[in-house]
Amino acid sequence: MKRILLLFSVCAVLFTTVAARATFAATDISGTWTGDIATPDGSSITLTYTFKVDGAKLTGTVQGPQGDPIILDNGKVDGDKLSFDVSFNAMTINNEGTMNADDTIKLSTKASDGSFPPGELTLKRVKAADAPKPAM
């Protein structure tokens, strides 16, 4: 009986360790990400996100082709899910996404007041050597 209990305990510990590693690996989104989003006129713009995760808190910035980076607000990470808001020009864009196994993030955007059409984009991780250099 003791052997069965010991075997069960070892299996439970191994399962918990593997599950925890999978969870932490899925939420490791700290770094630079980029993706293209369609604009209302049918063209697209490239957005660059810089994320930092501290527990369940997500912070960072987003930058488009023009202008300074915009700080992310209300950022959260829960497993493979993330959410944050971006506010500019008196408008708040709500963002919700999912980290995928192929090291991409599927992100949906929606203006809180409906003034901007909803959008979707897929973010790809930028390798450190390929990261954009800050403007001087």
C-alpha atoms as a PDB file:
ATOM      1  CA  MET A   1       0.000   0.000   0.000  1.00  0.00           C
ATOM      2  CA  LYS A   2       2.859   2.358   0.855  1.00  0.00           C
ATOM      3  CA  ARG A   3       4.449   1.714  -2.548  1.00  0.00           C
ATOM      4  CA  ILE A   4       1.233   2.594  -4.359  1.00  0.00           C
ATOM      5  CA  LEU A   5       0.884   5.774  -2.322  1.00  0.00           C
ATOM      6  CA  LEU A   6       4.532   6.678  -3.024  1.00  0.00           C
ATOM      7  CA  LEU A   7       4.117   5.984  -6.753  1.00  0.00           C
ATOM      8  CA  PHE A   8       0.939   8.060  -6.833  1.00  0.00           C
ATOM      9  CA  SER A   9       2.700  10.932  -5.021  1.00  0.00           C
ATOM     10  CA  VAL A  10       5.655  10.883  -7.434  1.00  0.00           C
ATOM     11  CA  CYS A  11       3.303  10.886 -10.440  1.00  0.00           C
ATOM     12  CA  ALA A  12       1.325  13.795  -8.989  1.00  0.00           C
ATOM     13  CA  VAL A  13       4.498  15.842  -8.444  1.00  0.00           C
ATOM     14  CA  LEU A  14       5.732  15.125 -11.976  1.00  0.00           C
ATOM     15  CA  PHE A  15       2.361  16.034 -13.481  1.00  0.00           C
ATOM     16  CA  THR A  16       2.238  19.291 -11.503  1.00  0.00           C
ATOM     17  CA  THR A  17       5.776  20.217 -12.599  1.00  0.00           C
ATOM     18  CA  VAL A  18       5.044  19.558 -16.282  1.00  0.00           C
ATOM     19  CA  ALA A  19       1.755  21.479 -16.116  1.00  0.00           C
ATOM     20  CA  ALA A  20       3.423  24.443 -14.399  1.00  0.00           C
ATOM     21  CA  ARG A  21       6.200  24.568 -17.006  1.00  0.00           C
ATOM     22  CA  ALA A  22       3.650  24.545 -19.835  1.00  0.00           C
ATOM     23  CA  THR A  23       1.715  27.375 -18.193  1.00  0.00           C
ATOM     24  CA  PHE A  24       4.796  29.527 -17.604  1.00  0.00           C
ATOM     25  CA  ALA A  25       6.123  28.864 -21.124  1.00  0.00           C
ATOM     26  CA  ALA A  26       2.779  29.873 -22.639  1.00  0.00           C
ATOM     27  CA  THR A  27       2.760  33.211 -20.801  1.00  0.00           C
ATOM     28  CA  ASP A  28       6.354  34.220 -21.500  1.00  0.00           C
ATOM     29  CA  ILE A  29       5.476  37.149 -23.733  1.00  0.00           C
ATOM     30  CA  SER A  30       8.071  39.595 -22.394  1.00  0.00           C
ATOM     31  CA  GLY A  31       9.916  41.139 -25.321  1.00  0.00           C
ATOM     32  CA  THR A  32       9.198  42.839 -28.632  1.00  0.00           C
ATOM     33  CA  TRP A  33       6.405  41.766 -30.989  1.00  0.00           C
ATOM     34  CA  THR A  34       5.236  43.130 -34.332  1.00  0.00           C
ATOM     35  CA  GLY A  35       2.188  42.735 -36.575  1.00  0.00           C
ATOM     36  CA  ASP A  36       0.155  44.471 -39.281  1.00  0.00           C
ATOM     37  CA  ILE A  37      -3.384  45.707 -38.748  1.00  0.00           C
ATOM     38  CA  ALA A  38      -5.820  46.780 -41.478  1.00  0.00           C
ATOM     39  CA  THR A  39      -6.962  50.399 -41.420  1.00  0.00           C
ATOM     40  CA  PRO A  40     -10.483  51.588 -42.309  1.00  0.00           C
ATOM     41  CA  ASP A  41      -9.239  52.743 -45.752  1.00  0.00           C
ATOM     42  CA  GLY A  42      -8.055  49.208 -46.633  1.00  0.00           C
ATOM     43  CA  SER A  43      -4.328  49.728 -46.164  1.00  0.00           C
ATOM     44  CA  SER A  44      -2.372  48.363 -43.222  1.00  0.00           C
ATOM     45  CA  ILE A  45       0.077  49.665 -40.668  1.00  0.00           C
ATOM     46  CA  THR A  46       2.757  47.867 -38.713  1.00  0.00           C
ATOM     47  CA  LEU A  47       2.517  48.060 -34.936  1.00  0.00           C
ATOM     48  CA  THR A  48       5.381  47.184 -32.600  1.00  0.00           C
ATOM     49  CA  TYR A  49       4.554  46.081 -29.053  1.00  0.00           C
ATOM     50  CA  THR A  50       7.003  45.806 -26.187  1.00  0.00           C
ATOM     51  CA  PHE A  51       5.660  43.645 -23.364  1.00  0.00           C
ATOM     52  CA  LYS A  52       6.918  43.003 -19.849  1.00  0.00           C
ATOM     53  CA  VAL A  53       5.240  40.444 -17.591  1.00  0.00           C
ATOM     54  CA  ASP A  54       5.511  40.541 -13.811  1.00  0.00           C
ATOM     55  CA  GLY A  55       3.316  37.777 -12.384  1.00  0.00           C
ATOM     56  CA  ALA A  56      -0.182  38.484 -13.732  1.00  0.00           C
ATOM     57  CA  LYS A  57       0.619  42.122 -14.541  1.00  0.00           C
ATOM     58  CA  LEU A  58       1.372  43.148 -18.135  1.00  0.00           C
ATOM     59  CA  THR A  59       3.069  46.456 -18.905  1.00  0.00           C
ATOM     60  CA  GLY A  60       4.657  47.876 -22.021  1.00  0.00           C
ATOM     61  CA  THR A  61       4.166  50.101 -25.035  1.00  0.00           C
ATOM     62  CA  VAL A  62       2.861  50.069 -28.595  1.00  0.00           C
ATOM     63  CA  GLN A  63       4.306  52.114 -31.429  1.00  0.00           C
ATOM     64  CA  GLY A  64       3.060  52.738 -34.934  1.00  0.00           C
ATOM     65  CA  PRO A  65       4.953  54.110 -37.927  1.00  0.00           C
ATOM     66  CA  GLN A  66       4.607  57.674 -36.639  1.00  0.00           C
ATOM     67  CA  GLY A  67       4.774  59.137 -33.172  1.00  0.00           C
ATOM     68  CA  ASP A  68       6.038  58.185 -29.778  1.00  0.00           C
ATOM     69  CA  PRO A  69       5.296  54.861 -28.056  1.00  0.00           C
ATOM     70  CA  ILE A  70       1.965  54.704 -26.224  1.00  0.00           C
ATOM     71  CA  ILE A  71       1.899  53.114 -22.766  1.00  0.00           C
ATOM     72  CA  LEU A  72      -0.345  50.084 -22.213  1.00  0.00           C
ATOM     73  CA  ASP A  73      -2.936  50.400 -19.417  1.00  0.00           C
ATOM     74  CA  ASN A  74      -4.768  47.754 -17.357  1.00  0.00           C
ATOM     75  CA  GLY A  75      -2.533  44.955 -18.649  1.00  0.00           C
ATOM     76  CA  LYS A  76      -3.199  41.421 -17.418  1.00  0.00           C
ATOM     77  CA  VAL A  77      -1.935  37.925 -18.190  1.00  0.00           C
ATOM     78  CA  ASP A  78      -3.913  34.832 -17.244  1.00  0.00           C
ATOM     79  CA  GLY A  79      -2.442  31.592 -18.568  1.00  0.00           C
ATOM     80  CA  ASP A  80      -2.227  31.993 -22.342  1.00  0.00           C
ATOM     81  CA  LYS A  81      -4.654  34.983 -22.347  1.00  0.00           C
ATOM     82  CA  LEU A  82      -3.656  38.633 -22.218  1.00  0.00           C
ATOM     83  CA  SER A  83      -5.546  41.915 -22.207  1.00  0.00           C
ATOM     84  CA  PHE A  84      -4.680  45.605 -22.094  1.00  0.00           C
ATOM     85  CA  ASP A  85      -5.957  49.031 -23.133  1.00  0.00           C
ATOM     86  CA  VAL A  86      -4.330  51.699 -25.282  1.00  0.00           C
ATOM     87  CA  SER A  87      -5.585  55.298 -24.982  1.00  0.00           C
ATOM     88  CA  PHE A  88      -4.901  58.094 -27.473  1.00  0.00           C
ATOM     89  CA  ASN A  89      -6.813  61.023 -29.032  1.00  0.00           C
ATOM     90  CA  ALA A  90      -9.511  60.703 -26.316  1.00  0.00           C
ATOM     91  CA  MET A  91     -10.203  57.110 -27.432  1.00  0.00           C
ATOM     92  CA  THR A  92      -9.492  53.820 -25.647  1.00  0.00           C
ATOM     93  CA  ILE A  93      -8.797  50.657 -27.630  1.00  0.00           C
ATOM     94  CA  ASN A  94      -9.426  47.407 -25.722  1.00  0.00           C
ATOM     95  CA  ASN A  95      -7.088  44.576 -26.718  1.00  0.00           C
ATOM     96  CA  GLU A  96      -7.518  40.875 -25.971  1.00  0.00           C
ATOM     97  CA  GLY A  97      -5.202  38.155 -27.147  1.00  0.00           C
ATOM     98  CA  THR A  98      -4.072  34.577 -26.922  1.00  0.00           C
ATOM     99  CA  MET A  99      -0.501  33.297 -26.910  1.00  0.00           C
ATOM    100  CA  ASN A 100      -0.181  30.422 -29.369  1.00  0.00           C
ATOM    101  CA  ALA A 101       2.147  27.415 -29.315  1.00  0.00           C
ATOM    102  CA  ASP A 102       3.866  28.657 -32.504  1.00  0.00           C
ATOM    103  CA  ASP A 103       5.190  31.745 -30.631  1.00  0.00           C
ATOM    104  CA  THR A 104       2.585  34.112 -32.050  1.00  0.00           C
ATOM    105  CA  ILE A 105      -0.108  36.170 -30.370  1.00  0.00           C
ATOM    106  CA  LYS A 106      -3.568  36.485 -31.920  1.00  0.00           C
ATOM    107  CA  LEU A 107      -4.818  39.935 -30.877  1.00  0.00           C
ATOM    108  CA  SER A 108      -8.307  41.458 -31.238  1.00  0.00           C
ATOM    109  CA  THR A 109      -8.835  45.200 -30.897  1.00  0.00           C
ATOM    110  CA  LYS A 110     -12.030  47.151 -30.264  1.00  0.00           C
ATOM    111  CA  ALA A 111     -12.667  50.826 -29.493  1.00  0.00           C
ATOM    112  CA  SER A 112     -14.536  51.179 -26.209  1.00  0.00           C
ATOM    113  CA  ASP A 113     -16.838  53.833 -27.710  1.00  0.00           C
ATOM    114  CA  GLY A 114     -17.260  52.217 -31.159  1.00  0.00           C
ATOM    115  CA  SER A 115     -15.470  55.109 -32.901  1.00  0.00           C
ATOM    116  CA  PHE A 116     -12.939  52.800 -34.542  1.00  0.00           C
ATOM    117  CA  PRO A 117     -13.771  49.488 -36.244  1.00  0.00           C
ATOM    118  CA  PRO A 118     -12.700  46.256 -34.535  1.00  0.00           C
ATOM    119  CA  GLY A 119      -9.523  44.671 -35.847  1.00  0.00           C
ATOM    120  CA  GLU A 120      -7.418  41.569 -35.610  1.00  0.00           C
ATOM    121  CA  LEU A 121      -3.735  41.010 -36.007  1.00  0.00           C
ATOM    122  CA  THR A 122      -1.180  38.308 -35.428  1.00  0.00           C
ATOM    123  CA  LEU A 123       1.915  39.373 -33.560  1.00  0.00           C
ATOM    124  CA  LYS A 124       5.238  37.656 -34.152  1.00  0.00           C
ATOM    125  CA  ARG A 125       8.116  37.789 -31.720  1.00  0.00           C
ATOM    126  CA  VAL A 126      10.990  39.993 -32.854  1.00  0.00           C
ATOM    127  CA  LYS A 127      14.408  38.434 -32.296  1.00  0.00           C
ATOM    128  CA  ALA A 128      16.781  40.671 -30.300  1.00  0.00           C
ATOM    129  CA  ALA A 129      19.051  41.197 -33.341  1.00  0.00           C
ATOM    130  CA  ASP A 130      16.052  42.280 -35.463  1.00  0.00           C
ATOM    131  CA  ALA A 131      14.485  44.649 -32.891  1.00  0.00           C
ATOM    132  CA  PRO A 132      13.973  48.203 -34.143  1.00  0.00           C
ATOM    133  CA  LYS A 133      16.490  50.723 -32.879  1.00  0.00           C
ATOM    134  CA  PRO A 134      15.058  53.600 -30.793  1.00  0.00           C
ATOM    135  CA  ALA A 135      14.793  56.948 -32.611  1.00  0.00           C
ATOM    136  CA  MET A 136      17.274  59.585 -31.526  1.00  0.00           C
END
